[in-house]
Amino acid sequence: MKYIELLKNIKEPIFSIQDLKLMGYKIIPSQLSSYSKKGQIIKLKNGLYLIADKKNFAIKENIALKIYEPSYISLEWALHYYGLIPEMVYNITSISTKATRKFKNNFGIFIYRKIKKELFWGYKKEEKNGQIYLIAEPEKALLDYIYFNLSKIKNDIDIEELRLNSAIIKKLNIKKLKEYALLFKNKRINEIISKICLH
């Protein structure tokens, strides 16, 4: 498989070894390694690559989805995206039903936190530059964050220290937020959400 052939046949910026096999190519790992060393392709993780000529079309959100599936963006990244927290967030944080993992490549650090299958919901499909990614609804992103940080939120001062944007909280679907909170089946989460909504 020549590089020019790869460019011609791979329509998306990101491709996997499995994609090449499905297209009928016989994969020689040393060939992909050679393309990577020449800077023609960029390794995102073992078996997953991005065509260097198309890197300007690639978006981190889509990379996050492709690196570890099933997953959806949530936690700090989503909270910042919706304006719920003021801090800049540089690493994409996602939720998955698979084991907690962290991947590092040219595009940054991608963090995945494991959640129970029964709590893997509350996300939506978005599109940017023609590429798909999944991101938590703002209500679910907030609940995911509380769920994973429950041990650190012991009192009202801890809630204050979350530095949540009260103006954005007021714009959330509070009915949905409280209904979603009930699905976590955790009394403490319900109490925290009630206090957040009162601020």
C-alpha atoms as a PDB file:
ATOM      1  CA  MET A   1       0.000   0.000   0.000  1.00  0.00           C
ATOM      2  CA  LYS A   2       1.578   3.239  -1.160  1.00  0.00           C
ATOM      3  CA  TYR A   3       1.033   6.507   0.708  1.00  0.00           C
ATOM      4  CA  ILE A   4      -0.607   8.140  -2.338  1.00  0.00           C
ATOM      5  CA  GLU A   5      -3.066   5.251  -2.418  1.00  0.00           C
ATOM      6  CA  LEU A   6      -3.782   5.754   1.266  1.00  0.00           C
ATOM      7  CA  LEU A   7      -4.523   9.449   0.673  1.00  0.00           C
ATOM      8  CA  LYS A   8      -6.843   8.636  -2.199  1.00  0.00           C
ATOM      9  CA  ASN A   9      -8.883   5.970  -0.424  1.00  0.00           C
ATOM     10  CA  ILE A  10      -9.157   7.255   3.140  1.00  0.00           C
ATOM     11  CA  LYS A  11     -11.928   9.834   3.161  1.00  0.00           C
ATOM     12  CA  GLU A  12     -11.827  10.731   6.867  1.00  0.00           C
ATOM     13  CA  PRO A  13      -8.767  12.334   8.534  1.00  0.00           C
ATOM     14  CA  ILE A  14      -8.636   9.465  11.049  1.00  0.00           C
ATOM     15  CA  PHE A  15      -8.312   5.789  10.161  1.00  0.00           C
ATOM     16  CA  SER A  16      -7.602   2.553  11.964  1.00  0.00           C
ATOM     17  CA  ILE A  17      -5.784  -0.617  10.977  1.00  0.00           C
ATOM     18  CA  GLN A  18      -9.211  -2.269  11.070  1.00  0.00           C
ATOM     19  CA  ASP A  19     -10.479   0.253   8.478  1.00  0.00           C
ATOM     20  CA  LEU A  20      -7.624  -0.691   6.150  1.00  0.00           C
ATOM     21  CA  LYS A  21      -8.318  -4.396   6.598  1.00  0.00           C
ATOM     22  CA  LEU A  22     -11.995  -3.867   5.750  1.00  0.00           C
ATOM     23  CA  MET A  23     -10.884  -2.104   2.561  1.00  0.00           C
ATOM     24  CA  GLY A  24      -8.916  -5.213   1.629  1.00  0.00           C
ATOM     25  CA  TYR A  25      -5.393  -3.939   2.312  1.00  0.00           C
ATOM     26  CA  LYS A  26      -2.763  -6.253   3.671  1.00  0.00           C
ATOM     27  CA  ILE A  27      -1.255  -4.338   6.576  1.00  0.00           C
ATOM     28  CA  ILE A  28       2.477  -4.296   7.159  1.00  0.00           C
ATOM     29  CA  PRO A  29       3.098  -2.578  10.540  1.00  0.00           C
ATOM     30  CA  SER A  30       6.591  -1.452   9.482  1.00  0.00           C
ATOM     31  CA  GLN A  31       5.027   0.455   6.565  1.00  0.00           C
ATOM     32  CA  LEU A  32       2.745   2.451   8.885  1.00  0.00           C
ATOM     33  CA  SER A  33       5.692   3.006  11.204  1.00  0.00           C
ATOM     34  CA  SER A  34       7.705   4.361   8.252  1.00  0.00           C
ATOM     35  CA  TYR A  35       4.881   6.750   7.263  1.00  0.00           C
ATOM     36  CA  SER A  36       4.726   7.925  10.861  1.00  0.00           C
ATOM     37  CA  LYS A  37       8.486   8.584  11.043  1.00  0.00           C
ATOM     38  CA  LYS A  38       8.293  10.567   7.799  1.00  0.00           C
ATOM     39  CA  GLY A  39       5.506  12.688   9.281  1.00  0.00           C
ATOM     40  CA  GLN A  40       2.980  11.509   6.697  1.00  0.00           C
ATOM     41  CA  ILE A  41       0.649  10.056   9.306  1.00  0.00           C
ATOM     42  CA  ILE A  42       0.272  10.857  13.011  1.00  0.00           C
ATOM     43  CA  LYS A  43      -0.186   8.063  15.529  1.00  0.00           C
ATOM     44  CA  LEU A  44      -3.081   8.772  17.917  1.00  0.00           C
ATOM     45  CA  LYS A  45      -2.798   5.445  19.752  1.00  0.00           C
ATOM     46  CA  ASN A  46      -1.861   1.898  18.821  1.00  0.00           C
ATOM     47  CA  GLY A  47      -3.736   1.034  15.630  1.00  0.00           C
ATOM     48  CA  LEU A  48      -5.250   4.500  15.145  1.00  0.00           C
ATOM     49  CA  TYR A  49      -3.757   7.166  12.875  1.00  0.00           C
ATOM     50  CA  LEU A  50      -4.441  10.553  11.351  1.00  0.00           C
ATOM     51  CA  ILE A  51      -3.342  11.560   7.858  1.00  0.00           C
ATOM     52  CA  ALA A  52      -0.947  14.474   8.381  1.00  0.00           C
ATOM     53  CA  ASP A  53      -2.174  16.336   5.281  1.00  0.00           C
ATOM     54  CA  LYS A  54      -5.650  16.398   6.832  1.00  0.00           C
ATOM     55  CA  LYS A  55      -4.663  17.360  10.363  1.00  0.00           C
ATOM     56  CA  ASN A  56      -6.065  20.883   9.993  1.00  0.00           C
ATOM     57  CA  PHE A  57      -9.503  19.368   9.441  1.00  0.00           C
ATOM     58  CA  ALA A  58      -9.258  17.147  12.503  1.00  0.00           C
ATOM     59  CA  ILE A  59     -10.997  18.259  15.699  1.00  0.00           C
ATOM     60  CA  LYS A  60     -10.017  17.145  19.186  1.00  0.00           C
ATOM     61  CA  GLU A  61     -13.597  16.210  20.048  1.00  0.00           C
ATOM     62  CA  ASN A  62     -13.783  13.686  17.195  1.00  0.00           C
ATOM     63  CA  ILE A  63     -10.339  12.355  18.095  1.00  0.00           C
ATOM     64  CA  ALA A  64     -11.585  11.808  21.659  1.00  0.00           C
ATOM     65  CA  LEU A  65     -14.481   9.721  20.357  1.00  0.00           C
ATOM     66  CA  LYS A  66     -12.322   7.664  17.973  1.00  0.00           C
ATOM     67  CA  ILE A  67      -9.599   6.937  20.532  1.00  0.00           C
ATOM     68  CA  TYR A  68     -11.886   5.210  23.020  1.00  0.00           C
ATOM     69  CA  GLU A  69     -15.384   4.024  22.184  1.00  0.00           C
ATOM     70  CA  PRO A  70     -17.997   4.089  23.544  1.00  0.00           C
ATOM     71  CA  SER A  71     -17.404   7.500  25.123  1.00  0.00           C
ATOM     72  CA  TYR A  72     -18.857  10.973  25.319  1.00  0.00           C
ATOM     73  CA  ILE A  73     -17.207  14.246  26.363  1.00  0.00           C
ATOM     74  CA  SER A  74     -18.224  15.417  29.831  1.00  0.00           C
ATOM     75  CA  LEU A  75     -16.787  16.614  33.168  1.00  0.00           C
ATOM     76  CA  GLU A  76     -14.453  19.642  33.103  1.00  0.00           C
ATOM     77  CA  TRP A  77     -14.273  19.983  29.324  1.00  0.00           C
ATOM     78  CA  ALA A  78     -18.066  20.012  28.920  1.00  0.00           C
ATOM     79  CA  LEU A  79     -18.570  22.290  31.953  1.00  0.00           C
ATOM     80  CA  HIS A  80     -16.192  24.834  30.424  1.00  0.00           C
ATOM     81  CA  TYR A  81     -17.784  24.424  26.981  1.00  0.00           C
ATOM     82  CA  TYR A  82     -21.181  25.377  28.440  1.00  0.00           C
ATOM     83  CA  GLY A  83     -19.724  28.210  30.525  1.00  0.00           C
ATOM     84  CA  LEU A  84     -20.512  26.500  33.819  1.00  0.00           C
ATOM     85  CA  ILE A  85     -16.956  26.864  35.135  1.00  0.00           C
ATOM     86  CA  PRO A  86     -14.533  29.755  34.483  1.00  0.00           C
ATOM     87  CA  GLU A  87     -11.278  27.779  34.303  1.00  0.00           C
ATOM     88  CA  MET A  88      -9.691  27.001  30.939  1.00  0.00           C
ATOM     89  CA  VAL A  89      -9.593  23.258  30.308  1.00  0.00           C
ATOM     90  CA  TYR A  90      -6.866  21.911  28.053  1.00  0.00           C
ATOM     91  CA  ASN A  91      -7.395  18.140  28.287  1.00  0.00           C
ATOM     92  CA  ILE A  92     -10.553  16.546  26.942  1.00  0.00           C
ATOM     93  CA  THR A  93     -12.334  14.608  29.671  1.00  0.00           C
ATOM     94  CA  SER A  94     -14.740  11.889  28.627  1.00  0.00           C
ATOM     95  CA  ILE A  95     -16.991   9.250  30.155  1.00  0.00           C
ATOM     96  CA  SER A  96     -16.883   5.608  29.082  1.00  0.00           C
ATOM     97  CA  THR A  97     -18.279   2.253  30.160  1.00  0.00           C
ATOM     98  CA  LYS A  98     -14.799   0.819  29.682  1.00  0.00           C
ATOM     99  CA  ALA A  99     -11.869   1.026  32.109  1.00  0.00           C
ATOM    100  CA  THR A 100     -10.486   4.418  33.170  1.00  0.00           C
ATOM    101  CA  ARG A 101      -7.690   5.349  30.739  1.00  0.00           C
ATOM    102  CA  LYS A 102      -5.477   8.215  29.639  1.00  0.00           C
ATOM    103  CA  PHE A 103      -3.980   8.686  26.175  1.00  0.00           C
ATOM    104  CA  LYS A 104      -1.370  11.218  25.102  1.00  0.00           C
ATOM    105  CA  ASN A 105      -0.574  12.194  21.519  1.00  0.00           C
ATOM    106  CA  ASN A 106       0.255  15.276  19.403  1.00  0.00           C
ATOM    107  CA  PHE A 107      -3.177  16.733  20.084  1.00  0.00           C
ATOM    108  CA  GLY A 108      -2.951  16.585  23.871  1.00  0.00           C
ATOM    109  CA  ILE A 109      -4.065  14.379  26.723  1.00  0.00           C
ATOM    110  CA  PHE A 110      -7.373  12.531  26.514  1.00  0.00           C
ATOM    111  CA  ILE A 111      -8.804  11.326  29.819  1.00  0.00           C
ATOM    112  CA  TYR A 112     -11.576   8.728  30.183  1.00  0.00           C
ATOM    113  CA  ARG A 113     -13.447   7.949  33.398  1.00  0.00           C
ATOM    114  CA  LYS A 114     -15.409   4.743  33.806  1.00  0.00           C
ATOM    115  CA  ILE A 115     -19.102   4.943  34.649  1.00  0.00           C
ATOM    116  CA  LYS A 116     -21.684   2.212  35.213  1.00  0.00           C
ATOM    117  CA  LYS A 117     -23.584   1.214  32.060  1.00  0.00           C
ATOM    118  CA  GLU A 118     -26.862   2.307  33.620  1.00  0.00           C
ATOM    119  CA  LEU A 119     -25.474   5.875  33.912  1.00  0.00           C
ATOM    120  CA  PHE A 120     -24.137   6.052  30.353  1.00  0.00           C
ATOM    121  CA  TRP A 121     -26.746   8.422  28.902  1.00  0.00           C
ATOM    122  CA  GLY A 122     -27.598  12.120  28.712  1.00  0.00           C
ATOM    123  CA  TYR A 123     -25.351  12.992  25.772  1.00  0.00           C
ATOM    124  CA  LYS A 124     -26.007  14.359  22.293  1.00  0.00           C
ATOM    125  CA  LYS A 125     -24.419  14.134  18.876  1.00  0.00           C
ATOM    126  CA  GLU A 126     -22.723  17.280  17.567  1.00  0.00           C
ATOM    127  CA  GLU A 127     -20.971  18.023  14.286  1.00  0.00           C
ATOM    128  CA  LYS A 128     -18.031  20.311  13.592  1.00  0.00           C
ATOM    129  CA  ASN A 129     -16.020  20.513  10.347  1.00  0.00           C
ATOM    130  CA  GLY A 130     -18.124  17.598   9.113  1.00  0.00           C
ATOM    131  CA  GLN A 131     -16.940  15.403  11.991  1.00  0.00           C
ATOM    132  CA  ILE A 132     -19.157  13.838  14.607  1.00  0.00           C
ATOM    133  CA  TYR A 133     -18.591  13.803  18.353  1.00  0.00           C
ATOM    134  CA  LEU A 134     -20.663  13.072  21.436  1.00  0.00           C
ATOM    135  CA  ILE A 135     -20.959  15.508  24.328  1.00  0.00           C
ATOM    136  CA  ALA A 136     -22.960  15.432  27.542  1.00  0.00           C
ATOM    137  CA  GLU A 137     -25.977  17.682  27.825  1.00  0.00           C
ATOM    138  CA  PRO A 138     -25.139  20.486  30.301  1.00  0.00           C
ATOM    139  CA  GLU A 139     -27.346  18.939  32.993  1.00  0.00           C
ATOM    140  CA  LYS A 140     -25.642  15.543  32.647  1.00  0.00           C
ATOM    141  CA  ALA A 141     -22.134  17.086  32.527  1.00  0.00           C
ATOM    142  CA  LEU A 142     -22.836  18.753  35.882  1.00  0.00           C
ATOM    143  CA  LEU A 143     -24.170  15.526  37.383  1.00  0.00           C
ATOM    144  CA  ASP A 144     -21.236  13.497  36.046  1.00  0.00           C
ATOM    145  CA  TYR A 145     -18.866  15.999  37.648  1.00  0.00           C
ATOM    146  CA  ILE A 146     -20.631  15.807  41.022  1.00  0.00           C
ATOM    147  CA  TYR A 147     -20.763  11.990  40.799  1.00  0.00           C
ATOM    148  CA  PHE A 148     -17.000  11.689  40.262  1.00  0.00           C
ATOM    149  CA  ASN A 149     -16.164  14.319  42.891  1.00  0.00           C
ATOM    150  CA  LEU A 150     -18.695  13.320  45.536  1.00  0.00           C
ATOM    151  CA  SER A 151     -16.020  12.527  48.126  1.00  0.00           C
ATOM    152  CA  LYS A 152     -14.688  16.111  47.849  1.00  0.00           C
ATOM    153  CA  ILE A 153     -18.096  17.829  48.190  1.00  0.00           C
ATOM    154  CA  LYS A 154     -18.839  17.539  51.896  1.00  0.00           C
ATOM    155  CA  ASN A 155     -20.527  20.851  52.735  1.00  0.00           C
ATOM    156  CA  ASP A 156     -21.810  24.195  51.420  1.00  0.00           C
ATOM    157  CA  ILE A 157     -18.291  25.659  51.279  1.00  0.00           C
ATOM    158  CA  ASP A 158     -17.217  22.821  48.978  1.00  0.00           C
ATOM    159  CA  ILE A 159     -20.217  23.586  46.737  1.00  0.00           C
ATOM    160  CA  GLU A 160     -19.182  27.265  46.647  1.00  0.00           C
ATOM    161  CA  GLU A 161     -15.649  26.232  45.703  1.00  0.00           C
ATOM    162  CA  LEU A 162     -16.945  24.507  42.579  1.00  0.00           C
ATOM    163  CA  ARG A 163     -17.248  28.113  41.281  1.00  0.00           C
ATOM    164  CA  LEU A 164     -20.260  27.283  39.140  1.00  0.00           C
ATOM    165  CA  ASN A 165     -21.635  30.134  37.055  1.00  0.00           C
ATOM    166  CA  SER A 166     -25.010  30.880  38.684  1.00  0.00           C
ATOM    167  CA  ALA A 167     -26.246  32.764  35.597  1.00  0.00           C
ATOM    168  CA  ILE A 168     -25.703  29.644  33.455  1.00  0.00           C
ATOM    169  CA  ILE A 169     -27.202  27.370  36.148  1.00  0.00           C
ATOM    170  CA  LYS A 170     -30.413  29.415  35.896  1.00  0.00           C
ATOM    171  CA  LYS A 171     -30.511  28.751  32.156  1.00  0.00           C
ATOM    172  CA  LEU A 172     -30.356  24.977  32.618  1.00  0.00           C
ATOM    173  CA  ASN A 173     -33.451  22.812  32.379  1.00  0.00           C
ATOM    174  CA  ILE A 174     -33.907  22.468  36.157  1.00  0.00           C
ATOM    175  CA  LYS A 175     -36.718  19.927  35.786  1.00  0.00           C
ATOM    176  CA  LYS A 176     -34.461  17.743  33.627  1.00  0.00           C
ATOM    177  CA  LEU A 177     -31.527  18.280  36.015  1.00  0.00           C
ATOM    178  CA  LYS A 178     -33.541  17.037  38.998  1.00  0.00           C
ATOM    179  CA  GLU A 179     -35.046  14.126  37.050  1.00  0.00           C
ATOM    180  CA  TYR A 180     -31.576  13.094  35.869  1.00  0.00           C
ATOM    181  CA  ALA A 181     -30.266  13.398  39.445  1.00  0.00           C
ATOM    182  CA  LEU A 182     -32.869  10.885  40.650  1.00  0.00           C
ATOM    183  CA  LEU A 183     -31.550   8.323  38.160  1.00  0.00           C
ATOM    184  CA  PHE A 184     -28.195   8.302  39.975  1.00  0.00           C
ATOM    185  CA  LYS A 185     -30.053   6.866  43.007  1.00  0.00           C
ATOM    186  CA  ASN A 186     -27.825   8.786  45.395  1.00  0.00           C
ATOM    187  CA  LYS A 187     -29.372  10.948  48.106  1.00  0.00           C
ATOM    188  CA  ARG A 188     -26.259  13.112  48.465  1.00  0.00           C
ATOM    189  CA  ILE A 189     -26.278  14.012  44.743  1.00  0.00           C
ATOM    190  CA  ASN A 190     -29.923  15.109  45.053  1.00  0.00           C
ATOM    191  CA  GLU A 191     -29.046  17.295  48.059  1.00  0.00           C
ATOM    192  CA  ILE A 192     -26.111  18.937  46.234  1.00  0.00           C
ATOM    193  CA  ILE A 193     -28.235  19.640  43.150  1.00  0.00           C
ATOM    194  CA  SER A 194     -30.971  21.203  45.302  1.00  0.00           C
ATOM    195  CA  LYS A 195     -28.403  23.512  46.933  1.00  0.00           C
ATOM    196  CA  ILE A 196     -26.821  24.430  43.594  1.00  0.00           C
ATOM    197  CA  CYS A 197     -30.243  25.383  42.220  1.00  0.00           C
ATOM    198  CA  LEU A 198     -30.872  27.667  45.201  1.00  0.00           C
ATOM    199  CA  HIS A 199     -27.688  29.719  44.667  1.00  0.00           C
END
